[in-house]
Amino acid sequence: MAKQSAPRELAGIAPKLVDVTNDVLFGDVWERPELSPRDRSLVTVSVLAALYRGEQLPYHLGKALENGLSVAELSEAITHLAFYAGWPNAMTAITLLKRIADEQSA
């Protein structure tokens, strides 16, 4: 699995943010052994969906699939969080998941 990193094009405007993202978030937090990458992806997708972070969600849905979560598992997590985080959040997340799943199966 390729190591995650912040988009390089952001380094021109926010070099420190890119450095911290790469070194701390992806280089340390995501690498800690207490949770598997699969579990970290499930937590991350759930939080992004619950907080209505649609811009970051597609990347992390794709990463979750790479980290071993299935479309069915992600769909179930999104369905579950609809009752805790709100219907619009879940509908946005499931729409993004469908788009990503369709792109991967094409």
PDB file of N, CA and C in Angstrom:
ATOM      1  N   MET A   1       0.847  -1.173   0.000  1.00  0.00           N
ATOM      2  CA  MET A   1       0.000   0.000   0.000  1.00  0.00           C
ATOM      3  C   MET A   1       0.894   1.239   0.000  1.00  0.00           C
ATOM      4  N   ALA A   2       0.593   2.175  -0.885  1.00  0.00           N
ATOM      5  CA  ALA A   2       1.367   3.407  -0.959  1.00  0.00           C
ATOM      6  C   ALA A   2       1.069   4.285   0.245  1.00  0.00           C
ATOM      7  N   LYS A   3       2.106   4.933   0.728  1.00  0.00           N
ATOM      8  CA  LYS A   3       1.936   5.845   1.861  1.00  0.00           C
ATOM      9  C   LYS A   3       1.119   7.048   1.416  1.00  0.00           C
ATOM     10  N   GLN A   4       0.213   7.472   2.273  1.00  0.00           N
ATOM     11  CA  GLN A   4      -0.621   8.624   1.976  1.00  0.00           C
ATOM     12  C   GLN A   4       0.196   9.900   2.102  1.00  0.00           C
ATOM     13  N   SER A   5      -0.232  10.921   1.387  1.00  0.00           N
ATOM     14  CA  SER A   5       0.416  12.218   1.512  1.00  0.00           C
ATOM     15  C   SER A   5      -0.548  13.313   1.074  1.00  0.00           C
ATOM     16  N   ALA A   6      -0.269  14.504   1.546  1.00  0.00           N
ATOM     17  CA  ALA A   6      -1.062  15.666   1.157  1.00  0.00           C
ATOM     18  C   ALA A   6      -0.790  15.976  -0.309  1.00  0.00           C
ATOM     19  N   PRO A   7      -1.768  16.565  -0.982  1.00  0.00           N
ATOM     20  CA  PRO A   7      -1.547  16.931  -2.389  1.00  0.00           C
ATOM     21  C   PRO A   7      -0.358  17.880  -2.537  1.00  0.00           C
ATOM     22  N   ARG A   8       0.566  17.534  -3.418  1.00  0.00           N
ATOM     23  CA  ARG A   8       1.780  18.338  -3.614  1.00  0.00           C
ATOM     24  C   ARG A   8       1.501  19.770  -4.044  1.00  0.00           C
ATOM     25  N   GLU A   9       0.429  19.948  -4.800  1.00  0.00           N
ATOM     26  CA  GLU A   9       0.131  21.299  -5.291  1.00  0.00           C
ATOM     27  C   GLU A   9      -0.197  22.274  -4.169  1.00  0.00           C
ATOM     28  N   LEU A  10      -0.507  21.777  -2.986  1.00  0.00           N
ATOM     29  CA  LEU A  10      -0.783  22.659  -1.850  1.00  0.00           C
ATOM     30  C   LEU A  10       0.484  23.183  -1.189  1.00  0.00           C
ATOM     31  N   ALA A  11       1.612  22.558  -1.454  1.00  0.00           N
ATOM     32  CA  ALA A  11       2.867  22.966  -0.820  1.00  0.00           C
ATOM     33  C   ALA A  11       3.260  24.394  -1.191  1.00  0.00           C
ATOM     34  N   GLY A  12       2.866  24.854  -2.367  1.00  0.00           N
ATOM     35  CA  GLY A  12       3.202  26.210  -2.780  1.00  0.00           C
ATOM     36  C   GLY A  12       2.515  27.275  -1.942  1.00  0.00           C
ATOM     37  N   ILE A  13       1.336  26.976  -1.439  1.00  0.00           N
ATOM     38  CA  ILE A  13       0.593  27.966  -0.666  1.00  0.00           C
ATOM     39  C   ILE A  13       0.645  27.673   0.836  1.00  0.00           C
ATOM     40  N   ALA A  14       0.794  26.409   1.198  1.00  0.00           N
ATOM     41  CA  ALA A  14       0.782  26.037   2.623  1.00  0.00           C
ATOM     42  C   ALA A  14       1.811  24.942   2.893  1.00  0.00           C
ATOM     43  N   PRO A  15       3.095  25.274   2.745  1.00  0.00           N
ATOM     44  CA  PRO A  15       4.122  24.240   2.896  1.00  0.00           C
ATOM     45  C   PRO A  15       4.130  23.577   4.274  1.00  0.00           C
ATOM     46  N   LYS A  16       3.912  24.342   5.321  1.00  0.00           N
ATOM     47  CA  LYS A  16       3.932  23.759   6.663  1.00  0.00           C
ATOM     48  C   LYS A  16       2.752  22.808   6.867  1.00  0.00           C
ATOM     49  N   LEU A  17       1.573  23.181   6.372  1.00  0.00           N
ATOM     50  CA  LEU A  17       0.410  22.305   6.483  1.00  0.00           C
ATOM     51  C   LEU A  17       0.674  20.975   5.771  1.00  0.00           C
ATOM     52  N   VAL A  18       1.277  21.036   4.609  1.00  0.00           N
ATOM     53  CA  VAL A  18       1.613  19.816   3.872  1.00  0.00           C
ATOM     54  C   VAL A  18       2.641  18.996   4.651  1.00  0.00           C
ATOM     55  N   ASP A  19       3.664  19.651   5.188  1.00  0.00           N
ATOM     56  CA  ASP A  19       4.676  18.939   5.974  1.00  0.00           C
ATOM     57  C   ASP A  19       4.068  18.250   7.188  1.00  0.00           C
ATOM     58  N   VAL A  20       3.241  18.967   7.930  1.00  0.00           N
ATOM     59  CA  VAL A  20       2.624  18.399   9.132  1.00  0.00           C
ATOM     60  C   VAL A  20       1.677  17.258   8.753  1.00  0.00           C
ATOM     61  N   THR A  21       0.925  17.446   7.684  1.00  0.00           N
ATOM     62  CA  THR A  21       0.029  16.380   7.222  1.00  0.00           C
ATOM     63  C   THR A  21       0.820  15.123   6.898  1.00  0.00           C
ATOM     64  N   ASN A  22       1.896  15.282   6.152  1.00  0.00           N
ATOM     65  CA  ASN A  22       2.691  14.124   5.747  1.00  0.00           C
ATOM     66  C   ASN A  22       3.448  13.509   6.916  1.00  0.00           C
ATOM     67  N   ASP A  23       4.082  14.348   7.736  1.00  0.00           N
ATOM     68  CA  ASP A  23       4.937  13.837   8.807  1.00  0.00           C
ATOM     69  C   ASP A  23       4.156  13.356  10.023  1.00  0.00           C
ATOM     70  N   VAL A  24       3.175  14.126  10.451  1.00  0.00           N
ATOM     71  CA  VAL A  24       2.464  13.789  11.686  1.00  0.00           C
ATOM     72  C   VAL A  24       1.246  12.909  11.398  1.00  0.00           C
ATOM     73  N   LEU A  25       0.333  13.393  10.556  1.00  0.00           N
ATOM     74  CA  LEU A  25      -0.890  12.632  10.321  1.00  0.00           C
ATOM     75  C   LEU A  25      -0.603  11.307   9.618  1.00  0.00           C
ATOM     76  N   PHE A  26      -0.022  11.388   8.424  1.00  0.00           N
ATOM     77  CA  PHE A  26       0.197  10.160   7.667  1.00  0.00           C
ATOM     78  C   PHE A  26       1.462   9.419   8.081  1.00  0.00           C
ATOM     79  N   GLY A  27       2.477  10.138   8.534  1.00  0.00           N
ATOM     80  CA  GLY A  27       3.733   9.489   8.905  1.00  0.00           C
ATOM     81  C   GLY A  27       3.763   8.915  10.308  1.00  0.00           C
ATOM     82  N   ASP A  28       2.883   9.408  11.177  1.00  0.00           N
ATOM     83  CA  ASP A  28       2.868   8.926  12.555  1.00  0.00           C
ATOM     84  C   ASP A  28       1.507   8.353  12.929  1.00  0.00           C
ATOM     85  N   VAL A  29       0.472   9.170  12.939  1.00  0.00           N
ATOM     86  CA  VAL A  29      -0.834   8.739  13.438  1.00  0.00           C
ATOM     87  C   VAL A  29      -1.368   7.537  12.654  1.00  0.00           C
ATOM     88  N   TRP A  30      -1.352   7.618  11.328  1.00  0.00           N
ATOM     89  CA  TRP A  30      -1.867   6.510  10.518  1.00  0.00           C
ATOM     90  C   TRP A  30      -0.999   5.261  10.625  1.00  0.00           C
ATOM     91  N   GLU A  31       0.229   5.385  11.072  1.00  0.00           N
ATOM     92  CA  GLU A  31       1.143   4.244  11.155  1.00  0.00           C
ATOM     93  C   GLU A  31       1.161   3.575  12.524  1.00  0.00           C
ATOM     94  N   ARG A  32       0.466   4.115  13.493  1.00  0.00           N
ATOM     95  CA  ARG A  32       0.468   3.528  14.834  1.00  0.00           C
ATOM     96  C   ARG A  32      -0.175   2.145  14.790  1.00  0.00           C
ATOM     97  N   PRO A  33       0.410   1.187  15.496  1.00  0.00           N
ATOM     98  CA  PRO A  33      -0.052  -0.202  15.387  1.00  0.00           C
ATOM     99  C   PRO A  33      -1.331  -0.526  16.162  1.00  0.00           C
ATOM    100  N   GLU A  34      -1.802   0.365  17.004  1.00  0.00           N
ATOM    101  CA  GLU A  34      -2.964   0.052  17.838  1.00  0.00           C
ATOM    102  C   GLU A  34      -4.262  -0.127  17.043  1.00  0.00           C
ATOM    103  N   LEU A  35      -4.337   0.491  15.876  1.00  0.00           N
ATOM    104  CA  LEU A  35      -5.455   0.279  14.952  1.00  0.00           C
ATOM    105  C   LEU A  35      -4.894  -0.073  13.585  1.00  0.00           C
ATOM    106  N   SER A  36      -5.553  -0.966  12.902  1.00  0.00           N
ATOM    107  CA  SER A  36      -5.140  -1.317  11.539  1.00  0.00           C
ATOM    108  C   SER A  36      -5.522  -0.186  10.591  1.00  0.00           C
ATOM    109  N   PRO A  37      -4.896  -0.119   9.419  1.00  0.00           N
ATOM    110  CA  PRO A  37      -5.321   0.874   8.427  1.00  0.00           C
ATOM    111  C   PRO A  37      -6.811   0.736   8.081  1.00  0.00           C
ATOM    112  N   ARG A  38      -7.312  -0.498   8.043  1.00  0.00           N
ATOM    113  CA  ARG A  38      -8.731  -0.738   7.769  1.00  0.00           C
ATOM    114  C   ARG A  38      -9.597  -0.069   8.838  1.00  0.00           C
ATOM    115  N   ASP A  39      -9.251  -0.268  10.093  1.00  0.00           N
ATOM    116  CA  ASP A  39     -10.022   0.339  11.178  1.00  0.00           C
ATOM    117  C   ASP A  39      -9.910   1.861  11.167  1.00  0.00           C
ATOM    118  N   ARG A  40      -8.714   2.364  10.906  1.00  0.00           N
ATOM    119  CA  ARG A  40      -8.544   3.819  10.827  1.00  0.00           C
ATOM    120  C   ARG A  40      -9.389   4.400   9.689  1.00  0.00           C
ATOM    121  N   SER A  41      -9.458   3.691   8.587  1.00  0.00           N
ATOM    122  CA  SER A  41     -10.292   4.155   7.475  1.00  0.00           C
ATOM    123  C   SER A  41     -11.761   4.176   7.857  1.00  0.00           C
ATOM    124  N   LEU A  42     -12.230   3.152   8.563  1.00  0.00           N
ATOM    125  CA  LEU A  42     -13.630   3.126   8.976  1.00  0.00           C
ATOM    126  C   LEU A  42     -13.944   4.300   9.900  1.00  0.00           C
ATOM    127  N   VAL A  43     -13.054   4.580  10.827  1.00  0.00           N
ATOM    128  CA  VAL A  43     -13.242   5.720  11.732  1.00  0.00           C
ATOM    129  C   VAL A  43     -13.225   7.019  10.936  1.00  0.00           C
ATOM    130  N   THR A  44     -12.262   7.174  10.064  1.00  0.00           N
ATOM    131  CA  THR A  44     -12.105   8.410   9.294  1.00  0.00           C
ATOM    132  C   THR A  44     -13.316   8.674   8.398  1.00  0.00           C
ATOM    133  N   VAL A  45     -13.748   7.654   7.660  1.00  0.00           N
ATOM    134  CA  VAL A  45     -14.913   7.816   6.782  1.00  0.00           C
ATOM    135  C   VAL A  45     -16.141   8.169   7.609  1.00  0.00           C
ATOM    136  N   SER A  46     -16.320   7.513   8.731  1.00  0.00           N
ATOM    137  CA  SER A  46     -17.484   7.785   9.577  1.00  0.00           C
ATOM    138  C   SER A  46     -17.491   9.221  10.084  1.00  0.00           C
ATOM    139  N   VAL A  47     -16.341   9.683  10.533  1.00  0.00           N
ATOM    140  CA  VAL A  47     -16.266  11.052  11.052  1.00  0.00           C
ATOM    141  C   VAL A  47     -16.463  12.068   9.929  1.00  0.00           C
ATOM    142  N   LEU A  48     -15.829  11.848   8.792  1.00  0.00           N
ATOM    143  CA  LEU A  48     -15.986  12.788   7.679  1.00  0.00           C
ATOM    144  C   LEU A  48     -17.439  12.842   7.212  1.00  0.00           C
ATOM    145  N   ALA A  49     -18.091  11.695   7.149  1.00  0.00           N
ATOM    146  CA  ALA A  49     -19.507  11.674   6.753  1.00  0.00           C
ATOM    147  C   ALA A  49     -20.361  12.370   7.803  1.00  0.00           C
ATOM    148  N   ALA A  50     -20.110  12.080   9.073  1.00  0.00           N
ATOM    149  CA  ALA A  50     -20.907  12.671  10.150  1.00  0.00           C
ATOM    150  C   ALA A  50     -20.758  14.184  10.206  1.00  0.00           C
ATOM    151  N   LEU A  51     -19.567  14.668   9.899  1.00  0.00           N
ATOM    152  CA  LEU A  51     -19.312  16.111   9.946  1.00  0.00           C
ATOM    153  C   LEU A  51     -19.568  16.807   8.607  1.00  0.00           C
ATOM    154  N   TYR A  52     -20.086  16.055   7.627  1.00  0.00           N
ATOM    155  CA  TYR A  52     -20.426  16.600   6.319  1.00  0.00           C
ATOM    156  C   TYR A  52     -19.211  17.206   5.618  1.00  0.00           C
ATOM    157  N   ARG A  53     -18.128  16.452   5.607  1.00  0.00           N
ATOM    158  CA  ARG A  53     -16.886  16.889   4.972  1.00  0.00           C
ATOM    159  C   ARG A  53     -16.750  16.246   3.594  1.00  0.00           C
ATOM    160  N   GLY A  54     -17.647  16.647   2.706  1.00  0.00           N
ATOM    161  CA  GLY A  54     -17.730  16.051   1.385  1.00  0.00           C
ATOM    162  C   GLY A  54     -16.508  16.220   0.514  1.00  0.00           C
ATOM    163  N   GLU A  55     -15.719  17.239   0.761  1.00  0.00           N
ATOM    164  CA  GLU A  55     -14.531  17.441  -0.073  1.00  0.00           C
ATOM    165  C   GLU A  55     -13.455  16.397   0.225  1.00  0.00           C
ATOM    166  N   GLN A  56     -13.314  16.009   1.475  1.00  0.00           N
ATOM    167  CA  GLN A  56     -12.301  15.031   1.877  1.00  0.00           C
ATOM    168  C   GLN A  56     -12.806  13.590   1.764  1.00  0.00           C
ATOM    169  N   LEU A  57     -14.101  13.406   1.778  1.00  0.00           N
ATOM    170  CA  LEU A  57     -14.688  12.071   1.826  1.00  0.00           C
ATOM    171  C   LEU A  57     -14.352  11.185   0.623  1.00  0.00           C
ATOM    172  N   PRO A  58     -14.386  11.658  -0.618  1.00  0.00           N
ATOM    173  CA  PRO A  58     -14.078  10.758  -1.735  1.00  0.00           C
ATOM    174  C   PRO A  58     -12.690  10.121  -1.630  1.00  0.00           C
ATOM    175  N   TYR A  59     -11.693  10.900  -1.290  1.00  0.00           N
ATOM    176  CA  TYR A  59     -10.345  10.345  -1.142  1.00  0.00           C
ATOM    177  C   TYR A  59     -10.345   9.231  -0.097  1.00  0.00           C
ATOM    178  N   HIS A  60     -10.976   9.496   1.047  1.00  0.00           N
ATOM    179  CA  HIS A  60     -10.930   8.531   2.139  1.00  0.00           C
ATOM    180  C   HIS A  60     -11.833   7.323   1.893  1.00  0.00           C
ATOM    181  N   LEU A  61     -12.893   7.467   1.119  1.00  0.00           N
ATOM    182  CA  LEU A  61     -13.673   6.300   0.723  1.00  0.00           C
ATOM    183  C   LEU A  61     -12.828   5.388  -0.170  1.00  0.00           C
ATOM    184  N   GLY A  62     -12.125   5.982  -1.109  1.00  0.00           N
ATOM    185  CA  GLY A  62     -11.229   5.192  -1.959  1.00  0.00           C
ATOM    186  C   GLY A  62     -10.140   4.516  -1.158  1.00  0.00           C
ATOM    187  N   LYS A  63      -9.562   5.237  -0.214  1.00  0.00           N
ATOM    188  CA  LYS A  63      -8.522   4.683   0.645  1.00  0.00           C
ATOM    189  C   LYS A  63      -9.091   3.553   1.513  1.00  0.00           C
ATOM    190  N   ALA A  64     -10.333   3.714   1.981  1.00  0.00           N
ATOM    191  CA  ALA A  64     -10.974   2.670   2.787  1.00  0.00           C
ATOM    192  C   ALA A  64     -11.127   1.379   1.983  1.00  0.00           C
ATOM    193  N   LEU A  65     -11.500   1.506   0.724  1.00  0.00           N
ATOM    194  CA  LEU A  65     -11.594   0.323  -0.135  1.00  0.00           C
ATOM    195  C   LEU A  65     -10.216  -0.311  -0.321  1.00  0.00           C
ATOM    196  N   GLU A  66      -9.196   0.502  -0.528  1.00  0.00           N
ATOM    197  CA  GLU A  66      -7.822  -0.008  -0.641  1.00  0.00           C
ATOM    198  C   GLU A  66      -7.370  -0.695   0.649  1.00  0.00           C
ATOM    199  N   ASN A  67      -7.845  -0.195   1.787  1.00  0.00           N
ATOM    200  CA  ASN A  67      -7.447  -0.729   3.086  1.00  0.00           C
ATOM    201  C   ASN A  67      -8.275  -1.934   3.517  1.00  0.00           C
ATOM    202  N   GLY A  68      -9.121  -2.451   2.622  1.00  0.00           N
ATOM    203  CA  GLY A  68      -9.792  -3.713   2.893  1.00  0.00           C
ATOM    204  C   GLY A  68     -11.255  -3.649   3.269  1.00  0.00           C
ATOM    205  N   LEU A  69     -11.818  -2.461   3.378  1.00  0.00           N
ATOM    206  CA  LEU A  69     -13.254  -2.373   3.623  1.00  0.00           C
ATOM    207  C   LEU A  69     -13.996  -2.624   2.323  1.00  0.00           C
ATOM    208  N   SER A  70     -15.133  -3.269   2.406  1.00  0.00           N
ATOM    209  CA  SER A  70     -15.939  -3.515   1.215  1.00  0.00           C
ATOM    210  C   SER A  70     -16.961  -2.397   1.046  1.00  0.00           C
ATOM    211  N   VAL A  71     -17.520  -2.318  -0.144  1.00  0.00           N
ATOM    212  CA  VAL A  71     -18.586  -1.358  -0.395  1.00  0.00           C
ATOM    213  C   VAL A  71     -19.748  -1.643   0.543  1.00  0.00           C
ATOM    214  N   ALA A  72     -20.066  -2.918   0.749  1.00  0.00           N
ATOM    215  CA  ALA A  72     -21.169  -3.293   1.642  1.00  0.00           C
ATOM    216  C   ALA A  72     -20.907  -2.834   3.078  1.00  0.00           C
ATOM    217  N   GLU A  73     -19.671  -2.982   3.550  1.00  0.00           N
ATOM    218  CA  GLU A  73     -19.345  -2.543   4.913  1.00  0.00           C
ATOM    219  C   GLU A  73     -19.440  -1.025   5.043  1.00  0.00           C
ATOM    220  N   LEU A  74     -18.929  -0.314   4.059  1.00  0.00           N
ATOM    221  CA  LEU A  74     -19.012   1.145   4.093  1.00  0.00           C
ATOM    222  C   LEU A  74     -20.461   1.610   4.005  1.00  0.00           C
ATOM    223  N   SER A  75     -21.244   0.954   3.171  1.00  0.00           N
ATOM    224  CA  SER A  75     -22.658   1.282   3.056  1.00  0.00           C
ATOM    225  C   SER A  75     -23.370   1.063   4.391  1.00  0.00           C
ATOM    226  N   GLU A  76     -23.064  -0.017   5.065  1.00  0.00           N
ATOM    227  CA  GLU A  76     -23.692  -0.291   6.355  1.00  0.00           C
ATOM    228  C   GLU A  76     -23.285   0.740   7.399  1.00  0.00           C
ATOM    229  N   ALA A  77     -22.019   1.133   7.408  1.00  0.00           N
ATOM    230  CA  ALA A  77     -21.565   2.162   8.351  1.00  0.00           C
ATOM    231  C   ALA A  77     -22.279   3.478   8.092  1.00  0.00           C
ATOM    232  N   ILE A  78     -22.424   3.841   6.829  1.00  0.00           N
ATOM    233  CA  ILE A  78     -23.096   5.093   6.472  1.00  0.00           C
ATOM    234  C   ILE A  78     -24.581   5.025   6.846  1.00  0.00           C
ATOM    235  N   THR A  79     -25.211   3.889   6.594  1.00  0.00           N
ATOM    236  CA  THR A  79     -26.609   3.720   6.983  1.00  0.00           C
ATOM    237  C   THR A  79     -26.757   3.861   8.497  1.00  0.00           C
ATOM    238  N   HIS A  80     -25.867   3.263   9.237  1.00  0.00           N
ATOM    239  CA  HIS A  80     -25.909   3.325  10.696  1.00  0.00           C
ATOM    240  C   HIS A  80     -25.760   4.764  11.193  1.00  0.00           C
ATOM    241  N   LEU A  81     -24.814   5.491  10.615  1.00  0.00           N
ATOM    242  CA  LEU A  81     -24.574   6.845  11.114  1.00  0.00           C
ATOM    243  C   LEU A  81     -25.661   7.830  10.713  1.00  0.00           C
ATOM    244  N   ALA A  82     -26.512   7.461   9.769  1.00  0.00           N
ATOM    245  CA  ALA A  82     -27.617   8.349   9.392  1.00  0.00           C
ATOM    246  C   ALA A  82     -28.479   8.699  10.594  1.00  0.00           C
ATOM    247  N   PHE A  83     -28.627   7.757  11.503  1.00  0.00           N
ATOM    248  CA  PHE A  83     -29.492   7.965  12.662  1.00  0.00           C
ATOM    249  C   PHE A  83     -28.812   8.775  13.763  1.00  0.00           C
ATOM    250  N   TYR A  84     -27.511   8.895  13.694  1.00  0.00           N
ATOM    251  CA  TYR A  84     -26.757   9.630  14.710  1.00  0.00           C
ATOM    252  C   TYR A  84     -26.223  10.961  14.190  1.00  0.00           C
ATOM    253  N   ALA A  85     -25.952  11.030  12.891  1.00  0.00           N
ATOM    254  CA  ALA A  85     -25.308  12.214  12.334  1.00  0.00           C
ATOM    255  C   ALA A  85     -26.195  12.984  11.367  1.00  0.00           C
ATOM    256  N   GLY A  86     -27.333  12.420  11.014  1.00  0.00           N
ATOM    257  CA  GLY A  86     -28.251  13.129  10.136  1.00  0.00           C
ATOM    258  C   GLY A  86     -28.389  12.492   8.767  1.00  0.00           C
ATOM    259  N   TRP A  87     -29.600  12.532   8.283  1.00  0.00           N
ATOM    260  CA  TRP A  87     -29.932  11.937   6.999  1.00  0.00           C
ATOM    261  C   TRP A  87     -29.195  12.593   5.830  1.00  0.00           C
ATOM    262  N   PRO A  88     -29.148  13.923   5.753  1.00  0.00           N
ATOM    263  CA  PRO A  88     -28.436  14.539   4.623  1.00  0.00           C
ATOM    264  C   PRO A  88     -26.960  14.134   4.570  1.00  0.00           C
ATOM    265  N   ASN A  89     -26.318  14.032   5.712  1.00  0.00           N
ATOM    266  CA  ASN A  89     -24.910  13.625   5.738  1.00  0.00           C
ATOM    267  C   ASN A  89     -24.755  12.223   5.156  1.00  0.00           C
ATOM    268  N   ALA A  90     -25.635  11.318   5.572  1.00  0.00           N
ATOM    269  CA  ALA A  90     -25.560   9.942   5.092  1.00  0.00           C
ATOM    270  C   ALA A  90     -25.864   9.859   3.601  1.00  0.00           C
ATOM    271  N   MET A  91     -26.851  10.615   3.139  1.00  0.00           N
ATOM    272  CA  MET A  91     -27.191  10.580   1.715  1.00  0.00           C
ATOM    273  C   MET A  91     -26.050  11.118   0.854  1.00  0.00           C
ATOM    274  N   THR A  92     -25.384  12.161   1.328  1.00  0.00           N
ATOM    275  CA  THR A  92     -24.223  12.670   0.599  1.00  0.00           C
ATOM    276  C   THR A  92     -23.116  11.624   0.560  1.00  0.00           C
ATOM    277  N   ALA A  93     -22.833  11.010   1.702  1.00  0.00           N
ATOM    278  CA  ALA A  93     -21.768  10.007   1.774  1.00  0.00           C
ATOM    279  C   ALA A  93     -22.082   8.796   0.904  1.00  0.00           C
ATOM    280  N   ILE A  94     -23.324   8.327   0.919  1.00  0.00           N
ATOM    281  CA  ILE A  94     -23.658   7.138   0.134  1.00  0.00           C
ATOM    282  C   ILE A  94     -23.623   7.446  -1.363  1.00  0.00           C
ATOM    283  N   THR A  95     -23.986   8.668  -1.725  1.00  0.00           N
ATOM    284  CA  THR A  95     -23.894   9.081  -3.129  1.00  0.00           C
ATOM    285  C   THR A  95     -22.444   9.080  -3.590  1.00  0.00           C
ATOM    286  N   LEU A  96     -21.548   9.583  -2.747  1.00  0.00           N
ATOM    287  CA  LEU A  96     -20.120   9.567  -3.077  1.00  0.00           C
ATOM    288  C   LEU A  96     -19.592   8.145  -3.149  1.00  0.00           C
ATOM    289  N   LEU A  97     -20.005   7.291  -2.214  1.00  0.00           N
ATOM    290  CA  LEU A  97     -19.567   5.891  -2.244  1.00  0.00           C
ATOM    291  C   LEU A  97     -20.037   5.214  -3.522  1.00  0.00           C
ATOM    292  N   LYS A  98     -21.266   5.444  -3.922  1.00  0.00           N
ATOM    293  CA  LYS A  98     -21.765   4.833  -5.172  1.00  0.00           C
ATOM    294  C   LYS A  98     -20.927   5.288  -6.355  1.00  0.00           C
ATOM    295  N   ARG A  99     -20.628   6.573  -6.419  1.00  0.00           N
ATOM    296  CA  ARG A  99     -19.819   7.088  -7.533  1.00  0.00           C
ATOM    297  C   ARG A  99     -18.440   6.418  -7.566  1.00  0.00           C
ATOM    298  N   ILE A 100     -17.811   6.300  -6.407  1.00  0.00           N
ATOM    299  CA  ILE A 100     -16.491   5.683  -6.341  1.00  0.00           C
ATOM    300  C   ILE A 100     -16.561   4.202  -6.694  1.00  0.00           C
ATOM    301  N   ALA A 101     -17.563   3.507  -6.174  1.00  0.00           N
ATOM    302  CA  ALA A 101     -17.724   2.084  -6.466  1.00  0.00           C
ATOM    303  C   ALA A 101     -17.979   1.878  -7.958  1.00  0.00           C
ATOM    304  N   ASP A 102     -18.811   2.729  -8.559  1.00  0.00           N
ATOM    305  CA  ASP A 102     -19.085   2.633  -9.994  1.00  0.00           C
ATOM    306  C   ASP A 102     -17.825   2.876 -10.814  1.00  0.00           C
ATOM    307  N   GLU A 103     -17.018   3.864 -10.409  1.00  0.00           N
ATOM    308  CA  GLU A 103     -15.771   4.163 -11.129  1.00  0.00           C
ATOM    309  C   GLU A 103     -14.808   2.996 -11.035  1.00  0.00           C
ATOM    310  N   GLN A 104     -14.738   2.356  -9.886  1.00  0.00           N
ATOM    311  CA  GLN A 104     -13.807   1.240  -9.707  1.00  0.00           C
ATOM    312  C   GLN A 104     -14.245  -0.008 -10.461  1.00  0.00           C
ATOM    313  N   SER A 105     -15.557  -0.169 -10.651  1.00  0.00           N
ATOM    314  CA  SER A 105     -16.043  -1.361 -11.362  1.00  0.00           C
ATOM    315  C   SER A 105     -16.093  -1.164 -12.868  1.00  0.00           C
ATOM    316  N   ALA A 106     -15.886   0.066 -13.322  1.00  0.00           N
ATOM    317  CA  ALA A 106     -15.942   0.353 -14.773  1.00  0.00           C
ATOM    318  C   ALA A 106     -14.668  -0.057 -15.466  1.00  0.00           C
TER     319      ALA A 106
END
